[in-house]
Amino acid sequence: MIHRSREVNVDGVDCVVVASYSQSDSSRTPVTVYVNELNNAAMGDYVYAIGQSQTFLHHGTSSESGSGSGSIESLNLLLNKKLQRPVYLNVSGAAQVSTVSMFRAIVEVIDN
């Protein structure tokens, strides 16, 4: 199991990105990604995606879910498509961050 954690600045917002995944190339092993704005204590949306279907495991309130449910869903589907694996994604805080910028930051943490 690989665990990567990095502090990143995404669109001017300081965040911690944590990614955990198996070294296996199997398309059935999930990737777990947590993104939290620094100094944020509230849990935002937590979404699981496999293929084109998604399940919310936790709905954050609008003030704590950061980019909003639609953006979290889009981000999760992008990650699922890019990584070709099921994805568990939690984003807390980071309200001003674009989906594309967050996607790039997460992929950079996973790839490097």
Protein backbone atom coordinates (compact mmCIF):
# COMPACT_ATOMS: atom_id res chain seq x y z
CA MET A 1 0.00 0.00 0.00
CA ILE A 2 1.30 3.43 -0.93
CA HIS A 3 0.44 6.46 1.21
CA ARG A 4 1.34 9.94 0.01
CA SER A 5 0.72 13.18 1.84
CA ARG A 6 1.64 16.65 0.73
CA GLU A 7 0.79 20.23 1.60
CA VAL A 8 -0.18 22.03 -1.60
CA ASN A 9 -1.42 25.47 -2.53
CA VAL A 10 -4.42 25.24 -4.85
CA ASP A 11 -5.76 28.52 -6.22
CA GLY A 12 -4.29 30.38 -3.23
CA VAL A 13 -5.74 27.96 -0.65
CA ASP A 14 -3.34 25.89 1.48
CA CYS A 15 -4.50 22.26 1.63
CA VAL A 16 -3.23 18.86 2.65
CA VAL A 17 -3.75 16.09 0.09
CA VAL A 18 -3.49 12.49 1.31
CA ALA A 19 -3.73 9.61 -1.16
CA SER A 20 -3.62 5.87 -0.42
CA TYR A 21 -3.63 3.14 -3.05
CA SER A 22 -2.33 -0.31 -3.81
CA GLN A 23 0.73 -0.89 -5.96
CA SER A 24 -1.36 -3.44 -7.84
CA ASP A 25 -2.41 -2.51 -11.36
CA SER A 26 -5.81 -4.05 -10.71
CA SER A 27 -8.69 -1.82 -11.75
CA ARG A 28 -10.65 -3.14 -8.76
CA THR A 29 -8.41 -1.79 -5.99
CA PRO A 30 -9.64 1.61 -4.79
CA VAL A 31 -7.80 4.87 -4.38
CA THR A 32 -8.64 6.89 -1.26
CA VAL A 33 -8.10 10.65 -1.39
CA TYR A 34 -8.58 13.16 1.42
CA VAL A 35 -8.22 16.87 0.78
CA ASN A 36 -8.48 19.25 3.71
CA GLU A 37 -7.94 22.98 3.83
CA LEU A 38 -5.34 23.74 6.50
CA ASN A 39 -6.88 24.57 9.89
CA ASN A 40 -10.30 23.23 8.83
CA ALA A 41 -12.03 20.98 11.37
CA ALA A 42 -15.34 20.28 9.59
CA MET A 43 -15.79 17.22 7.39
CA GLY A 44 -17.06 17.94 3.90
CA ASP A 45 -18.59 15.64 1.31
CA TYR A 46 -17.28 12.08 1.15
CA VAL A 47 -18.03 10.36 -2.17
CA TYR A 48 -17.33 6.89 -3.61
CA ALA A 49 -17.20 6.43 -7.38
CA ILE A 50 -16.88 3.32 -9.50
CA GLY A 51 -17.42 3.63 -13.22
CA GLN A 52 -20.08 6.27 -13.80
CA SER A 53 -21.96 5.64 -10.54
CA GLN A 54 -21.38 7.48 -7.27
CA THR A 55 -22.54 7.17 -3.68
CA PHE A 56 -22.34 9.90 -1.06
CA LEU A 57 -21.00 8.41 2.16
CA HIS A 58 -21.35 11.77 3.95
CA HIS A 59 -22.94 15.06 2.90
CA GLY A 60 -21.25 18.09 4.37
CA THR A 61 -23.23 21.26 4.92
CA SER A 62 -22.84 23.93 2.28
CA SER A 63 -20.40 25.83 4.50
CA GLU A 64 -18.14 22.85 5.12
CA SER A 65 -18.32 20.92 1.86
CA GLY A 66 -16.01 23.31 0.07
CA SER A 67 -16.58 23.34 -3.66
CA GLY A 68 -20.15 22.05 -3.33
CA SER A 69 -21.60 18.66 -4.09
CA GLY A 70 -21.68 19.12 -7.86
CA SER A 71 -18.00 19.99 -8.00
CA ILE A 72 -17.10 17.08 -5.72
CA GLU A 73 -19.06 14.70 -7.94
CA SER A 74 -17.33 16.05 -11.06
CA LEU A 75 -13.91 15.82 -9.42
CA ASN A 76 -14.55 12.25 -8.30
CA LEU A 77 -15.68 11.18 -11.79
CA LEU A 78 -12.59 12.81 -13.32
CA LEU A 79 -10.32 10.97 -10.88
CA ASN A 80 -12.14 7.69 -11.48
CA LYS A 81 -11.73 8.08 -15.24
CA LYS A 82 -8.05 9.14 -15.01
CA LEU A 83 -7.00 6.46 -12.52
CA GLN A 84 -9.24 3.69 -13.89
CA ARG A 85 -10.02 2.57 -10.32
CA PRO A 86 -12.78 3.10 -7.80
CA VAL A 87 -12.19 6.32 -5.86
CA TYR A 88 -13.13 7.33 -2.32
CA LEU A 89 -12.89 11.13 -2.16
CA ASN A 90 -13.29 13.51 0.76
CA VAL A 91 -12.88 17.27 0.29
CA SER A 92 -13.23 19.49 3.34
CA GLY A 93 -12.93 23.27 3.13
CA ALA A 94 -11.27 24.76 0.03
CA ALA A 95 -14.42 26.65 -1.05
CA GLN A 96 -12.57 28.87 -3.54
CA VAL A 97 -10.78 26.05 -5.38
CA SER A 98 -11.72 25.09 -8.92
CA THR A 99 -12.38 21.47 -9.84
CA VAL A 100 -9.63 21.49 -12.48
CA SER A 101 -7.01 22.93 -10.10
CA MET A 102 -7.92 20.41 -7.41
CA PHE A 103 -7.81 17.55 -9.94
CA ARG A 104 -4.30 18.58 -11.04
CA ALA A 105 -3.08 18.84 -7.43
CA ILE A 106 -4.43 15.39 -6.53
CA VAL A 107 -3.00 13.72 -9.64
CA GLU A 108 0.39 15.36 -8.97
CA VAL A 109 0.44 13.93 -5.43
CA ILE A 110 -0.46 10.47 -6.72
CA ASP A 111 1.98 10.51 -9.64
CA ASN A 112 4.98 11.91 -7.76
